[in-house]
C-alpha cells in the first residue's frame, strides 16, 4: 500500500509519511480503500485515544481494551 505524497494540509506540505498525524493517516487510508476494516478500526481507536490524552482526559476503557486485544493478536 502506498500513500500519495506530498499531502497538502492547512498547515503546509507533508512530504514524509512519518510526519502525518493519525487523523490525516486515517483519512488517506479510508480514501485508498486498501486496508481491512480491522486495520481501519485500530487506527480509529488510536486516534480516539490520542485525542482523549491530548485533552488531558483518561482514555475510555473500551478503547484501551480494543487496542490491547489487537496487540495480543499480533
N, C-alpha and C. Protein backbone atom coordinates (compact mmCIF):
# COMPACT_ATOMS: atom_id res chain seq x y z
N UNK A 1 0.85 -1.17 0.00
CA UNK A 1 0.00 0.00 0.00
C UNK A 1 0.90 1.23 0.00
N UNK A 2 0.54 2.18 -0.82
CA UNK A 2 1.31 3.42 -0.92
C UNK A 2 0.39 4.60 -0.75
N UNK A 3 0.82 5.53 0.07
CA UNK A 3 0.09 6.78 0.23
C UNK A 3 0.71 7.79 -0.72
N UNK A 4 -0.15 8.57 -1.34
CA UNK A 4 0.35 9.56 -2.28
C UNK A 4 0.79 10.81 -1.52
N UNK A 5 2.06 11.10 -1.64
CA UNK A 5 2.63 12.29 -1.05
C UNK A 5 3.21 13.13 -2.17
N UNK A 6 3.31 14.41 -2.04
CA UNK A 6 3.08 15.17 -0.83
C UNK A 6 1.59 15.30 -0.52
N UNK A 7 1.32 15.55 0.76
CA UNK A 7 -0.04 15.84 1.21
C UNK A 7 -0.07 17.31 1.59
N UNK A 8 -1.06 18.01 1.08
CA UNK A 8 -1.18 19.45 1.33
C UNK A 8 -2.23 19.67 2.41
N UNK A 9 -1.78 20.11 3.58
CA UNK A 9 -2.70 20.38 4.68
C UNK A 9 -2.80 21.89 4.87
N UNK A 10 -3.71 22.29 5.74
CA UNK A 10 -3.83 23.72 6.00
C UNK A 10 -2.61 24.27 6.73
N UNK A 11 -1.76 23.37 7.24
CA UNK A 11 -0.55 23.78 7.95
C UNK A 11 0.70 23.75 7.08
N UNK A 12 0.57 23.23 5.88
CA UNK A 12 1.71 23.18 4.98
C UNK A 12 1.78 21.85 4.24
N UNK A 13 2.89 21.63 3.61
CA UNK A 13 3.10 20.44 2.79
C UNK A 13 3.79 19.37 3.62
N UNK A 14 3.28 18.13 3.52
CA UNK A 14 3.88 16.99 4.21
C UNK A 14 4.47 16.07 3.15
N UNK A 15 5.78 15.87 3.21
CA UNK A 15 6.48 15.05 2.23
C UNK A 15 6.89 13.69 2.77
N UNK A 16 6.85 13.52 4.08
CA UNK A 16 7.31 12.28 4.71
C UNK A 16 6.13 11.62 5.43
N UNK A 17 5.90 10.35 5.15
CA UNK A 17 4.78 9.63 5.75
C UNK A 17 4.85 9.65 7.28
N UNK A 18 6.06 9.74 7.84
CA UNK A 18 6.22 9.75 9.29
C UNK A 18 5.80 11.08 9.92
N UNK A 19 5.58 12.09 9.10
CA UNK A 19 5.11 13.38 9.60
C UNK A 19 3.59 13.50 9.59
N UNK A 20 2.89 12.50 9.06
CA UNK A 20 1.43 12.54 9.02
C UNK A 20 0.86 12.33 10.41
N UNK A 21 -0.12 13.14 10.76
CA UNK A 21 -0.83 12.94 12.01
C UNK A 21 -1.81 11.78 11.84
N UNK A 22 -2.20 11.17 12.94
CA UNK A 22 -3.03 9.97 12.90
C UNK A 22 -4.37 10.22 12.20
N UNK A 23 -4.96 11.41 12.39
CA UNK A 23 -6.22 11.72 11.74
C UNK A 23 -6.09 11.81 10.23
N UNK A 24 -5.00 12.41 9.76
CA UNK A 24 -4.74 12.52 8.32
C UNK A 24 -4.45 11.13 7.76
N UNK A 25 -3.69 10.34 8.49
CA UNK A 25 -3.39 8.97 8.06
C UNK A 25 -4.68 8.16 7.91
N UNK A 26 -5.57 8.30 8.89
CA UNK A 26 -6.85 7.61 8.82
C UNK A 26 -7.64 8.04 7.58
N UNK A 27 -7.68 9.33 7.33
CA UNK A 27 -8.39 9.87 6.17
C UNK A 27 -7.83 9.31 4.86
N UNK A 28 -6.51 9.34 4.71
CA UNK A 28 -5.88 8.86 3.48
C UNK A 28 -6.09 7.36 3.29
N UNK A 29 -6.00 6.60 4.37
CA UNK A 29 -6.20 5.15 4.25
C UNK A 29 -7.66 4.83 3.93
N UNK A 30 -8.60 5.58 4.51
CA UNK A 30 -10.01 5.38 4.18
C UNK A 30 -10.26 5.64 2.71
N UNK A 31 -9.65 6.70 2.19
CA UNK A 31 -9.83 7.05 0.78
C UNK A 31 -9.21 6.01 -0.15
N UNK A 32 -8.13 5.38 0.30
CA UNK A 32 -7.42 4.42 -0.56
C UNK A 32 -8.21 3.14 -0.76
N UNK A 33 -9.05 2.78 0.21
CA UNK A 33 -9.83 1.56 0.11
C UNK A 33 -9.02 0.28 0.26
N UNK A 34 -7.76 0.39 0.64
CA UNK A 34 -6.89 -0.79 0.69
C UNK A 34 -6.93 -1.54 2.02
N UNK A 35 -6.82 -0.86 3.17
CA UNK A 35 -6.72 -1.61 4.42
C UNK A 35 -8.03 -2.31 4.80
N UNK A 36 -7.89 -3.32 5.60
CA UNK A 36 -9.07 -4.06 6.08
C UNK A 36 -9.83 -3.21 7.09
N UNK A 37 -11.05 -3.62 7.37
CA UNK A 37 -11.85 -2.92 8.38
C UNK A 37 -11.18 -2.98 9.74
N UNK A 38 -10.51 -4.10 10.03
CA UNK A 38 -9.82 -4.25 11.31
C UNK A 38 -8.69 -3.23 11.45
N UNK A 39 -7.95 -3.01 10.39
CA UNK A 39 -6.86 -2.03 10.42
C UNK A 39 -7.43 -0.63 10.60
N UNK A 40 -8.48 -0.32 9.87
CA UNK A 40 -9.10 1.00 9.99
C UNK A 40 -9.67 1.22 11.40
N UNK A 41 -10.24 0.18 12.00
CA UNK A 41 -10.77 0.30 13.36
C UNK A 41 -9.63 0.51 14.35
N UNK A 42 -8.52 -0.18 14.16
CA UNK A 42 -7.35 0.00 15.02
C UNK A 42 -6.85 1.44 14.94
N UNK A 43 -6.73 1.97 13.74
CA UNK A 43 -6.27 3.34 13.55
C UNK A 43 -7.26 4.32 14.18
N UNK A 44 -8.54 4.06 14.02
CA UNK A 44 -9.55 4.92 14.63
C UNK A 44 -9.43 4.90 16.15
N UNK A 45 -9.20 3.73 16.73
CA UNK A 45 -9.03 3.64 18.18
C UNK A 45 -7.78 4.39 18.64
N UNK A 46 -6.71 4.30 17.86
CA UNK A 46 -5.50 5.07 18.19
C UNK A 46 -5.80 6.56 18.17
N UNK A 47 -6.54 7.00 17.16
CA UNK A 47 -6.89 8.41 17.05
C UNK A 47 -7.75 8.86 18.23
N UNK A 48 -8.73 8.05 18.61
CA UNK A 48 -9.58 8.39 19.74
C UNK A 48 -8.77 8.48 21.03
N UNK A 49 -7.87 7.52 21.24
CA UNK A 49 -7.03 7.54 22.45
C UNK A 49 -6.13 8.77 22.45
N UNK A 50 -5.53 9.08 21.33
CA UNK A 50 -4.66 10.25 21.22
C UNK A 50 -5.43 11.53 21.52
N UNK A 51 -6.64 11.64 20.98
CA UNK A 51 -7.44 12.85 21.20
C UNK A 51 -7.84 13.00 22.67
N UNK A 52 -8.20 11.89 23.30
CA UNK A 52 -8.55 11.97 24.72
C UNK A 52 -7.35 12.38 25.56
N UNK A 53 -6.20 11.79 25.28
CA UNK A 53 -4.99 12.13 26.03
C UNK A 53 -4.57 13.58 25.79
N UNK A 54 -4.72 14.06 24.56
CA UNK A 54 -4.30 15.44 24.26
C UNK A 54 -5.18 16.46 24.98
N UNK A 55 -6.37 16.05 25.40
CA UNK A 55 -7.26 16.93 26.15
C UNK A 55 -7.23 16.62 27.65
N UNK A 56 -6.16 15.90 28.05
CA UNK A 56 -5.95 15.56 29.46
C UNK A 56 -7.11 14.76 30.05
N UNK A 57 -7.70 13.92 29.23
CA UNK A 57 -8.80 13.07 29.65
C UNK A 57 -8.29 11.63 29.72
N UNK A 58 -8.84 10.82 30.62
CA UNK A 58 -8.47 9.40 30.62
C UNK A 58 -9.04 8.72 29.37
N UNK A 59 -8.31 7.76 28.86
CA UNK A 59 -8.77 7.03 27.67
C UNK A 59 -9.89 6.08 28.09
N UNK A 60 -10.95 6.09 27.31
CA UNK A 60 -12.09 5.19 27.54
C UNK A 60 -11.60 3.75 27.70
N UNK A 61 -12.15 3.05 28.66
CA UNK A 61 -11.72 1.66 28.88
C UNK A 61 -12.04 0.78 27.68
N UNK A 62 -13.12 1.06 26.97
CA UNK A 62 -13.46 0.25 25.79
C UNK A 62 -12.41 0.41 24.69
N UNK A 63 -11.86 1.61 24.56
CA UNK A 63 -10.81 1.85 23.56
C UNK A 63 -9.53 1.14 23.97
N UNK A 64 -9.18 1.25 25.26
CA UNK A 64 -7.98 0.56 25.75
C UNK A 64 -8.08 -0.95 25.56
N UNK A 65 -9.24 -1.50 25.88
CA UNK A 65 -9.43 -2.95 25.71
C UNK A 65 -9.30 -3.35 24.25
N UNK A 66 -9.89 -2.58 23.36
CA UNK A 66 -9.80 -2.89 21.92
C UNK A 66 -8.35 -2.82 21.44
N UNK A 67 -7.61 -1.81 21.89
CA UNK A 67 -6.21 -1.71 21.49
C UNK A 67 -5.38 -2.86 22.05
N UNK A 68 -5.65 -3.27 23.29
CA UNK A 68 -4.94 -4.40 23.89
C UNK A 68 -5.26 -5.71 23.17
N UNK A 69 -6.52 -5.89 22.82
CA UNK A 69 -6.89 -7.10 22.08
C UNK A 69 -6.17 -7.17 20.75
N UNK A 70 -6.09 -6.05 20.06
CA UNK A 70 -5.39 -6.00 18.78
C UNK A 70 -3.92 -6.33 18.96
N UNK A 71 -3.31 -5.77 20.00
CA UNK A 71 -1.89 -6.02 20.27
C UNK A 71 -1.64 -7.49 20.57
N UNK A 72 -2.56 -8.13 21.30
CA UNK A 72 -2.40 -9.56 21.63
C UNK A 72 -2.51 -10.43 20.40
N UNK A 73 -3.31 -9.99 19.42
CA UNK A 73 -3.49 -10.78 18.19
C UNK A 73 -2.23 -10.75 17.33
N UNK A 74 -1.44 -9.71 17.46
CA UNK A 74 -0.23 -9.59 16.64
C UNK A 74 0.85 -10.39 17.20
